[in-house]
Amino acid sequence: RPVLPGESLELGLEACGDVVDFRFVIDAEEVSRGRIRCGSPSSQPPGSAFGDRPSPRPAAGRPGAWPEPADVLVHRPPMIWLRSIEGHDARATSAFVSVADCGALRDPDGGVGAHVAIEWMAQCVAAHAGIERWANREAPILGLLLGSRCVQFARPAYNAGESFRVVAVRSWGGDRGAVSFDCRVEELGSDEPIAEARLSCFVPGEEPEVGAMSERSDREGTTSRGGIRSAEAGRKSSDGIAR
């Protein structure tokens, strides 16, 4: 379930060899759990998560061709970690990020742990959906990061002053509902991936109201009760997809 502001979590870890199981609980209620498999970068080189060929990224647009991150994200400073949008098409979005924008997560030397790459990727996915809404003159909406798989870090940390490119490529799903993105963070210039992950997300959609379904059913010659049953069945189907 979601973790709300002000709640305190208890983290439990159980290690067995190179596998660590983790579990978060709040007042004895489990809210999240998962498994981390540890390995050296030499045994799992960057690029191996999704094959030797990196996923494509959109062609870079001219400066100013895309909106500012604040216009396509629901985030607000200091949690806007995309510095600028580089490129976008129907399948992928790329953006520039900087360690300098990671705020309070930076250590005394100004660096950050590699885990911040997950947030860079998630915000790039959010920007992808936000740009589509921006093009239709719609405000950005809050999406959900459901989970991450195939997570790989080539480095344990990033240094003060470093900047990177983050790329999110949709691998499954549409504009609404459950979607999956293959994401990576690249070195500028060399395009060498320093982090990779497959993110599962949920983008809310506009569901018709039960009353609207009933009115349409009445016009089509069915009863209001039947229209309500149809709407409820549609909601159950939608929930099933989301899970």
C-alpha atoms as a PDB file:
ATOM      1  CA  ARG A   1       0.000   0.000   0.000  1.00  0.00           C
ATOM      2  CA  PRO A   2       1.130   3.620  -0.296  1.00  0.00           C
ATOM      3  CA  VAL A   3       3.331   5.056   2.439  1.00  0.00           C
ATOM      4  CA  LEU A   4       1.948   8.387   3.627  1.00  0.00           C
ATOM      5  CA  PRO A   5       3.779  11.440   5.012  1.00  0.00           C
ATOM      6  CA  GLY A   6       4.527  11.085   8.711  1.00  0.00           C
ATOM      7  CA  GLU A   7       4.463   7.277   8.768  1.00  0.00           C
ATOM      8  CA  SER A   8       7.476   5.360  10.091  1.00  0.00           C
ATOM      9  CA  LEU A   9       8.582   2.118   8.472  1.00  0.00           C
ATOM     10  CA  GLU A  10      10.418  -0.847   9.929  1.00  0.00           C
ATOM     11  CA  LEU A  11      12.855  -2.515   7.517  1.00  0.00           C
ATOM     12  CA  GLY A  12      13.759  -6.182   7.866  1.00  0.00           C
ATOM     13  CA  LEU A  13      16.616  -7.822   5.941  1.00  0.00           C
ATOM     14  CA  GLU A  14      17.455 -11.506   5.493  1.00  0.00           C
ATOM     15  CA  ALA A  15      20.616 -12.413   3.589  1.00  0.00           C
ATOM     16  CA  CYS A  16      21.500 -15.752   2.032  1.00  0.00           C
ATOM     17  CA  GLY A  17      24.649 -15.751  -0.062  1.00  0.00           C
ATOM     18  CA  ASP A  18      24.359 -13.065  -2.746  1.00  0.00           C
ATOM     19  CA  VAL A  19      20.581 -12.707  -2.227  1.00  0.00           C
ATOM     20  CA  VAL A  20      18.989 -10.280   0.256  1.00  0.00           C
ATOM     21  CA  ASP A  21      15.253 -10.364   0.977  1.00  0.00           C
ATOM     22  CA  PHE A  22      13.802  -7.134   2.357  1.00  0.00           C
ATOM     23  CA  ARG A  23      10.455  -6.320   3.960  1.00  0.00           C
ATOM     24  CA  PHE A  24       8.894  -3.019   5.038  1.00  0.00           C
ATOM     25  CA  VAL A  25       6.164  -3.010   7.697  1.00  0.00           C
ATOM     26  CA  ILE A  26       4.090  -0.329   9.440  1.00  0.00           C
ATOM     27  CA  ASP A  27       2.570  -1.401  12.763  1.00  0.00           C
ATOM     28  CA  ALA A  28       3.047  -5.069  11.827  1.00  0.00           C
ATOM     29  CA  GLU A  29       1.334  -4.536   8.414  1.00  0.00           C
ATOM     30  CA  GLU A  30       3.502  -5.435   5.429  1.00  0.00           C
ATOM     31  CA  VAL A  31       3.536  -2.636   2.860  1.00  0.00           C
ATOM     32  CA  SER A  32       6.355  -3.749   0.546  1.00  0.00           C
ATOM     33  CA  ARG A  33       8.818  -6.549   0.031  1.00  0.00           C
ATOM     34  CA  GLY A  34      11.313  -7.670  -2.565  1.00  0.00           C
ATOM     35  CA  ARG A  35      14.592  -9.410  -3.303  1.00  0.00           C
ATOM     36  CA  ILE A  36      17.971  -7.958  -4.204  1.00  0.00           C
ATOM     37  CA  ARG A  37      20.528 -10.136  -5.982  1.00  0.00           C
ATOM     38  CA  CYS A  38      24.038  -8.748  -5.565  1.00  0.00           C
ATOM     39  CA  GLY A  39      26.818  -9.162  -8.106  1.00  0.00           C
ATOM     40  CA  SER A  40      29.971  -7.443  -9.269  1.00  0.00           C
ATOM     41  CA  PRO A  41      29.778  -5.091 -12.292  1.00  0.00           C
ATOM     42  CA  SER A  42      32.301  -7.312 -14.079  1.00  0.00           C
ATOM     43  CA  SER A  43      29.945 -10.309 -13.936  1.00  0.00           C
ATOM     44  CA  GLN A  44      26.916  -8.229 -14.978  1.00  0.00           C
ATOM     45  CA  PRO A  45      28.199  -5.527 -17.333  1.00  0.00           C
ATOM     46  CA  PRO A  46      25.999  -2.568 -18.301  1.00  0.00           C
ATOM     47  CA  GLY A  47      23.790  -3.413 -21.231  1.00  0.00           C
ATOM     48  CA  SER A  48      23.183  -7.027 -20.238  1.00  0.00           C
ATOM     49  CA  ALA A  49      19.749  -6.390 -18.722  1.00  0.00           C
ATOM     50  CA  PHE A  50      18.036  -5.909 -22.076  1.00  0.00           C
ATOM     51  CA  GLY A  51      20.524  -7.523 -24.464  1.00  0.00           C
ATOM     52  CA  ASP A  52      23.724  -6.206 -26.054  1.00  0.00           C
ATOM     53  CA  ARG A  53      21.963  -3.579 -28.177  1.00  0.00           C
ATOM     54  CA  PRO A  54      20.705  -0.584 -26.177  1.00  0.00           C
ATOM     55  CA  SER A  55      17.072   0.409 -26.577  1.00  0.00           C
ATOM     56  CA  PRO A  56      16.572   3.283 -29.028  1.00  0.00           C
ATOM     57  CA  ARG A  57      16.157   6.838 -27.853  1.00  0.00           C
ATOM     58  CA  PRO A  58      14.359   9.657 -29.660  1.00  0.00           C
ATOM     59  CA  ALA A  59      16.323  12.059 -31.797  1.00  0.00           C
ATOM     60  CA  ALA A  60      17.384  15.145 -29.864  1.00  0.00           C
ATOM     61  CA  GLY A  61      15.284  18.208 -30.553  1.00  0.00           C
ATOM     62  CA  ARG A  62      16.562  21.749 -30.957  1.00  0.00           C
ATOM     63  CA  PRO A  63      17.054  23.697 -27.704  1.00  0.00           C
ATOM     64  CA  GLY A  64      13.695  24.838 -26.383  1.00  0.00           C
ATOM     65  CA  ALA A  65      11.743  22.401 -28.555  1.00  0.00           C
ATOM     66  CA  TRP A  66      10.290  20.666 -25.514  1.00  0.00           C
ATOM     67  CA  PRO A  67       8.605  22.065 -22.383  1.00  0.00           C
ATOM     68  CA  GLU A  68      10.405  22.582 -19.108  1.00  0.00           C
ATOM     69  CA  PRO A  69      10.273  19.585 -16.734  1.00  0.00           C
ATOM     70  CA  ALA A  70       8.172  21.626 -14.288  1.00  0.00           C
ATOM     71  CA  ASP A  71       5.485  21.932 -16.991  1.00  0.00           C
ATOM     72  CA  VAL A  72       5.106  18.160 -17.499  1.00  0.00           C
ATOM     73  CA  LEU A  73       5.718  16.775 -13.990  1.00  0.00           C
ATOM     74  CA  VAL A  74       3.580  16.970 -10.858  1.00  0.00           C
ATOM     75  CA  HIS A  75       6.815  17.297  -8.857  1.00  0.00           C
ATOM     76  CA  ARG A  76       7.901  20.626  -7.406  1.00  0.00           C
ATOM     77  CA  PRO A  77      11.345  21.879  -6.321  1.00  0.00           C
ATOM     78  CA  PRO A  78      13.482  20.544  -4.781  1.00  0.00           C
ATOM     79  CA  MET A  79      12.190  17.208  -6.153  1.00  0.00           C
ATOM     80  CA  ILE A  80      12.381  18.055  -9.864  1.00  0.00           C
ATOM     81  CA  TRP A  81      15.477  16.108 -10.855  1.00  0.00           C
ATOM     82  CA  LEU A  82      15.243  16.410 -14.649  1.00  0.00           C
ATOM     83  CA  ARG A  83      17.273  19.402 -15.791  1.00  0.00           C
ATOM     84  CA  SER A  84      15.878  19.547 -19.348  1.00  0.00           C
ATOM     85  CA  ILE A  85      14.085  17.395 -21.932  1.00  0.00           C
ATOM     86  CA  GLU A  86      16.369  16.323 -24.779  1.00  0.00           C
ATOM     87  CA  GLY A  87      14.057  14.358 -27.074  1.00  0.00           C
ATOM     88  CA  HIS A  88      10.633  12.745 -27.267  1.00  0.00           C
ATOM     89  CA  ASP A  89       8.514  10.625 -29.584  1.00  0.00           C
ATOM     90  CA  ALA A  90       5.527   8.302 -29.188  1.00  0.00           C
ATOM     91  CA  ARG A  91       7.694   5.556 -27.690  1.00  0.00           C
ATOM     92  CA  ALA A  92      10.587   7.174 -25.840  1.00  0.00           C
ATOM     93  CA  THR A  93      11.785  10.246 -23.961  1.00  0.00           C
ATOM     94  CA  SER A  94      15.295  11.338 -23.029  1.00  0.00           C
ATOM     95  CA  ALA A  95      16.397  14.051 -20.619  1.00  0.00           C
ATOM     96  CA  PHE A  96      19.491  15.486 -18.969  1.00  0.00           C
ATOM     97  CA  VAL A  97      20.092  15.109 -15.223  1.00  0.00           C
ATOM     98  CA  SER A  98      22.736  16.428 -12.849  1.00  0.00           C
ATOM     99  CA  VAL A  99      24.005  15.315  -9.463  1.00  0.00           C
ATOM    100  CA  ALA A 100      23.806  18.974  -8.408  1.00  0.00           C
ATOM    101  CA  ASP A 101      19.981  18.780  -8.493  1.00  0.00           C
ATOM    102  CA  CYS A 102      19.689  15.912  -5.987  1.00  0.00           C
ATOM    103  CA  GLY A 103      19.364  18.274  -3.036  1.00  0.00           C
ATOM    104  CA  ALA A 104      19.510  16.841   0.472  1.00  0.00           C
ATOM    105  CA  LEU A 105      20.428  13.356  -0.774  1.00  0.00           C
ATOM    106  CA  ARG A 106      23.950  14.540  -1.600  1.00  0.00           C
ATOM    107  CA  ASP A 107      26.725  13.549   0.788  1.00  0.00           C
ATOM    108  CA  PRO A 108      29.150  16.065   2.357  1.00  0.00           C
ATOM    109  CA  ASP A 109      31.325  15.852  -0.785  1.00  0.00           C
ATOM    110  CA  GLY A 110      28.362  16.635  -3.042  1.00  0.00           C
ATOM    111  CA  GLY A 111      27.983  13.125  -4.466  1.00  0.00           C
ATOM    112  CA  VAL A 112      25.019  10.734  -4.350  1.00  0.00           C
ATOM    113  CA  GLY A 113      24.478   6.990  -4.183  1.00  0.00           C
ATOM    114  CA  ALA A 114      23.596   5.104  -7.343  1.00  0.00           C
ATOM    115  CA  HIS A 115      20.058   4.501  -6.078  1.00  0.00           C
ATOM    116  CA  VAL A 116      19.070   8.026  -7.207  1.00  0.00           C
ATOM    117  CA  ALA A 117      19.161   6.663 -10.776  1.00  0.00           C
ATOM    118  CA  ILE A 118      15.810   4.952 -10.101  1.00  0.00           C
ATOM    119  CA  GLU A 119      14.227   8.347  -9.411  1.00  0.00           C
ATOM    120  CA  TRP A 120      15.838   9.819 -12.537  1.00  0.00           C
ATOM    121  CA  MET A 121      14.305   6.997 -14.566  1.00  0.00           C
ATOM    122  CA  ALA A 122      10.896   7.319 -12.895  1.00  0.00           C
ATOM    123  CA  GLN A 123      10.785  11.060 -13.560  1.00  0.00           C
ATOM    124  CA  CYS A 124      11.728  10.448 -17.203  1.00  0.00           C
ATOM    125  CA  VAL A 125       8.790   8.022 -17.488  1.00  0.00           C
ATOM    126  CA  ALA A 126       6.537  10.639 -15.868  1.00  0.00           C
ATOM    127  CA  ALA A 127       7.823  13.258 -18.305  1.00  0.00           C
ATOM    128  CA  HIS A 128       6.994  10.947 -21.220  1.00  0.00           C
ATOM    129  CA  ALA A 129       3.342  10.828 -20.142  1.00  0.00           C
ATOM    130  CA  GLY A 130       3.385  14.519 -19.218  1.00  0.00           C
ATOM    131  CA  ILE A 131       4.620  15.629 -22.639  1.00  0.00           C
ATOM    132  CA  GLU A 132       1.768  13.758 -24.309  1.00  0.00           C
ATOM    133  CA  ARG A 133      -0.706  15.594 -22.056  1.00  0.00           C
ATOM    134  CA  TRP A 134       1.119  18.910 -22.567  1.00  0.00           C
ATOM    135  CA  ALA A 135       0.735  18.524 -26.334  1.00  0.00           C
ATOM    136  CA  ASN A 136      -3.040  18.186 -25.793  1.00  0.00           C
ATOM    137  CA  ARG A 137      -3.083  21.214 -23.429  1.00  0.00           C
ATOM    138  CA  GLU A 138      -3.789  18.978 -20.439  1.00  0.00           C
ATOM    139  CA  ALA A 139      -2.206  19.272 -17.002  1.00  0.00           C
ATOM    140  CA  PRO A 140       0.117  16.491 -15.794  1.00  0.00           C
ATOM    141  CA  ILE A 141      -1.421  13.812 -13.558  1.00  0.00           C
ATOM    142  CA  LEU A 142       0.016  11.701 -10.778  1.00  0.00           C
ATOM    143  CA  GLY A 143       1.165   8.238 -11.864  1.00  0.00           C
ATOM    144  CA  LEU A 144       2.391   5.308  -9.773  1.00  0.00           C
ATOM    145  CA  LEU A 145       5.711   3.469  -9.826  1.00  0.00           C
ATOM    146  CA  LEU A 146       4.641  -0.123  -9.162  1.00  0.00           C
ATOM    147  CA  GLY A 147       8.038  -1.769  -9.169  1.00  0.00           C
ATOM    148  CA  SER A 148      11.439  -2.214 -10.801  1.00  0.00           C
ATOM    149  CA  ARG A 149      13.151  -5.260 -12.275  1.00  0.00           C
ATOM    150  CA  CYS A 150      16.497  -6.060 -13.903  1.00  0.00           C
ATOM    151  CA  VAL A 151      18.105  -3.236 -11.908  1.00  0.00           C
ATOM    152  CA  GLN A 152      21.833  -2.871 -12.555  1.00  0.00           C
ATOM    153  CA  PHE A 153      24.319  -0.265 -11.343  1.00  0.00           C
ATOM    154  CA  ALA A 154      27.766  -0.089 -12.940  1.00  0.00           C
ATOM    155  CA  ARG A 155      28.971   2.273 -10.192  1.00  0.00           C
ATOM    156  CA  PRO A 156      28.066   2.558  -6.504  1.00  0.00           C
ATOM    157  CA  ALA A 157      27.900   6.368  -6.543  1.00  0.00           C
ATOM    158  CA  TYR A 158      28.008   9.485  -8.727  1.00  0.00           C
ATOM    159  CA  ASN A 159      30.286  12.422  -8.038  1.00  0.00           C
ATOM    160  CA  ALA A 160      29.603  16.106  -7.516  1.00  0.00           C
ATOM    161  CA  GLY A 161      29.387  18.014 -10.790  1.00  0.00           C
ATOM    162  CA  GLU A 162      28.583  14.994 -12.959  1.00  0.00           C
ATOM    163  CA  SER A 163      25.731  15.112 -15.478  1.00  0.00           C
ATOM    164  CA  PHE A 164      24.098  12.273 -17.393  1.00  0.00           C
ATOM    165  CA  ARG A 165      21.402  11.422 -19.896  1.00  0.00           C
ATOM    166  CA  VAL A 166      18.388   9.371 -18.800  1.00  0.00           C
ATOM    167  CA  VAL A 167      16.335   7.456 -21.376  1.00  0.00           C
ATOM    168  CA  ALA A 168      12.926   5.798 -20.945  1.00  0.00           C
ATOM    169  CA  VAL A 169      11.626   3.560 -23.742  1.00  0.00           C
ATOM    170  CA  ARG A 170       8.113   2.101 -23.526  1.00  0.00           C
ATOM    171  CA  SER A 171       8.306  -1.660 -23.941  1.00  0.00           C
ATOM    172  CA  TRP A 172       4.695  -2.556 -23.146  1.00  0.00           C
ATOM    173  CA  GLY A 173       1.354  -0.819 -22.623  1.00  0.00           C
ATOM    174  CA  GLY A 174      -0.394   2.262 -23.957  1.00  0.00           C
ATOM    175  CA  ASP A 175      -1.077   5.821 -22.849  1.00  0.00           C
ATOM    176  CA  ARG A 176      -3.199   4.748 -19.867  1.00  0.00           C
ATOM    177  CA  GLY A 177      -3.232   1.908 -17.362  1.00  0.00           C
ATOM    178  CA  ALA A 178      -0.344  -0.469 -16.687  1.00  0.00           C
ATOM    179  CA  VAL A 179       2.829   0.278 -18.670  1.00  0.00           C
ATOM    180  CA  SER A 180       6.422  -0.925 -18.677  1.00  0.00           C
ATOM    181  CA  PHE A 181       9.515   1.099 -19.618  1.00  0.00           C
ATOM    182  CA  ASP A 182      13.081  -0.005 -20.258  1.00  0.00           C
ATOM    183  CA  CYS A 183      15.200   2.758 -18.746  1.00  0.00           C
ATOM    184  CA  ARG A 184      18.880   3.592 -18.517  1.00  0.00           C
ATOM    185  CA  VAL A 185      21.222   6.360 -17.404  1.00  0.00           C
ATOM    186  CA  GLU A 186      24.084   7.072 -19.821  1.00  0.00           C
ATOM    187  CA  GLU A 187      27.434   8.789 -19.675  1.00  0.00           C
ATOM    188  CA  LEU A 188      27.390  11.932 -21.796  1.00  0.00           C
ATOM    189  CA  GLY A 189      29.590  11.589 -24.861  1.00  0.00           C
ATOM    190  CA  SER A 190      30.247   7.854 -24.650  1.00  0.00           C
ATOM    191  CA  ASP A 191      26.556   6.816 -24.257  1.00  0.00           C
ATOM    192  CA  GLU A 192      27.827   4.080 -21.931  1.00  0.00           C
ATOM    193  CA  PRO A 193      25.023   2.981 -19.556  1.00  0.00           C
ATOM    194  CA  ILE A 194      25.851   3.361 -15.870  1.00  0.00           C
ATOM    195  CA  ALA A 195      22.443   2.195 -14.623  1.00  0.00           C
ATOM    196  CA  GLU A 196      19.566   0.198 -16.082  1.00  0.00           C
ATOM    197  CA  ALA A 197      16.154  -0.942 -14.915  1.00  0.00           C
ATOM    198  CA  ARG A 198      12.751  -2.022 -16.180  1.00  0.00           C
ATOM    199  CA  LEU A 199      10.074   0.050 -14.457  1.00  0.00           C
ATOM    200  CA  SER A 200       6.440  -1.015 -14.117  1.00  0.00           C
ATOM    201  CA  CYS A 201       4.108   1.969 -13.754  1.00  0.00           C
ATOM    202  CA  PHE A 202       0.439   2.844 -13.714  1.00  0.00           C
ATOM    203  CA  VAL A 203      -0.952   5.901 -15.496  1.00  0.00           C
ATOM    204  CA  PRO A 204      -4.518   6.758 -14.381  1.00  0.00           C
ATOM    205  CA  GLY A 205      -7.209   7.118 -17.030  1.00  0.00           C
ATOM    206  CA  GLU A 206     -10.617   8.732 -17.134  1.00  0.00           C
ATOM    207  CA  GLU A 207     -13.310   6.142 -16.371  1.00  0.00           C
ATOM    208  CA  PRO A 208     -16.947   6.834 -17.325  1.00  0.00           C
ATOM    209  CA  GLU A 209     -19.322   7.456 -14.463  1.00  0.00           C
ATOM    210  CA  VAL A 210     -21.886   4.761 -13.640  1.00  0.00           C
ATOM    211  CA  GLY A 211     -24.705   7.217 -14.323  1.00  0.00           C
ATOM    212  CA  ALA A 212     -23.324   7.989 -17.754  1.00  0.00           C
ATOM    213  CA  MET A 213     -23.105   4.284 -18.511  1.00  0.00           C
ATOM    214  CA  SER A 214     -26.722   3.822 -17.375  1.00  0.00           C
ATOM    215  CA  GLU A 215     -27.997   6.667 -19.542  1.00  0.00           C
ATOM    216  CA  ARG A 216     -26.226   5.274 -22.569  1.00  0.00           C
ATOM    217  CA  SER A 217     -27.609   1.795 -21.858  1.00  0.00           C
ATOM    218  CA  ASP A 218     -31.137   3.229 -21.576  1.00  0.00           C
ATOM    219  CA  ARG A 219     -30.775   4.876 -24.963  1.00  0.00           C
ATOM    220  CA  GLU A 220     -29.638   1.553 -26.406  1.00  0.00           C
ATOM    221  CA  GLY A 221     -32.733  -0.226 -25.053  1.00  0.00           C
ATOM    222  CA  THR A 222     -31.362  -1.883 -21.905  1.00  0.00           C
ATOM    223  CA  THR A 223     -32.325  -1.268 -18.293  1.00  0.00           C
ATOM    224  CA  SER A 224     -30.518   1.073 -15.935  1.00  0.00           C
ATOM    225  CA  ARG A 225     -29.693  -1.912 -13.708  1.00  0.00           C
ATOM    226  CA  GLY A 226     -28.035  -3.599 -16.653  1.00  0.00           C
ATOM    227  CA  GLY A 227     -26.079  -0.437 -17.377  1.00  0.00           C
ATOM    228  CA  ILE A 228     -24.826  -0.321 -13.802  1.00  0.00           C
ATOM    229  CA  ARG A 229     -23.791  -3.975 -13.991  1.00  0.00           C
ATOM    230  CA  SER A 230     -21.868  -3.208 -17.211  1.00  0.00           C
ATOM    231  CA  ALA A 231     -20.062  -0.300 -15.568  1.00  0.00           C
ATOM    232  CA  GLU A 232     -19.147  -2.420 -12.544  1.00  0.00           C
ATOM    233  CA  ALA A 233     -17.843  -5.192 -14.776  1.00  0.00           C
ATOM    234  CA  GLY A 234     -15.737  -2.660 -16.658  1.00  0.00           C
ATOM    235  CA  ARG A 235     -14.243  -1.389 -13.419  1.00  0.00           C
ATOM    236  CA  LYS A 236     -13.391  -4.907 -12.273  1.00  0.00           C
ATOM    237  CA  SER A 237     -11.705  -5.601 -15.586  1.00  0.00           C
ATOM    238  CA  SER A 238      -9.711  -2.382 -15.323  1.00  0.00           C
ATOM    239  CA  ASP A 239      -8.638  -3.228 -11.771  1.00  0.00           C
ATOM    240  CA  GLY A 240      -7.507  -6.648 -12.913  1.00  0.00           C
ATOM    241  CA  ILE A 241      -5.251  -5.121 -15.556  1.00  0.00           C
ATOM    242  CA  ALA A 242      -3.798  -2.663 -13.068  1.00  0.00           C
ATOM    243  CA  ARG A 243      -2.812  -5.433 -10.695  1.00  0.00           C
END
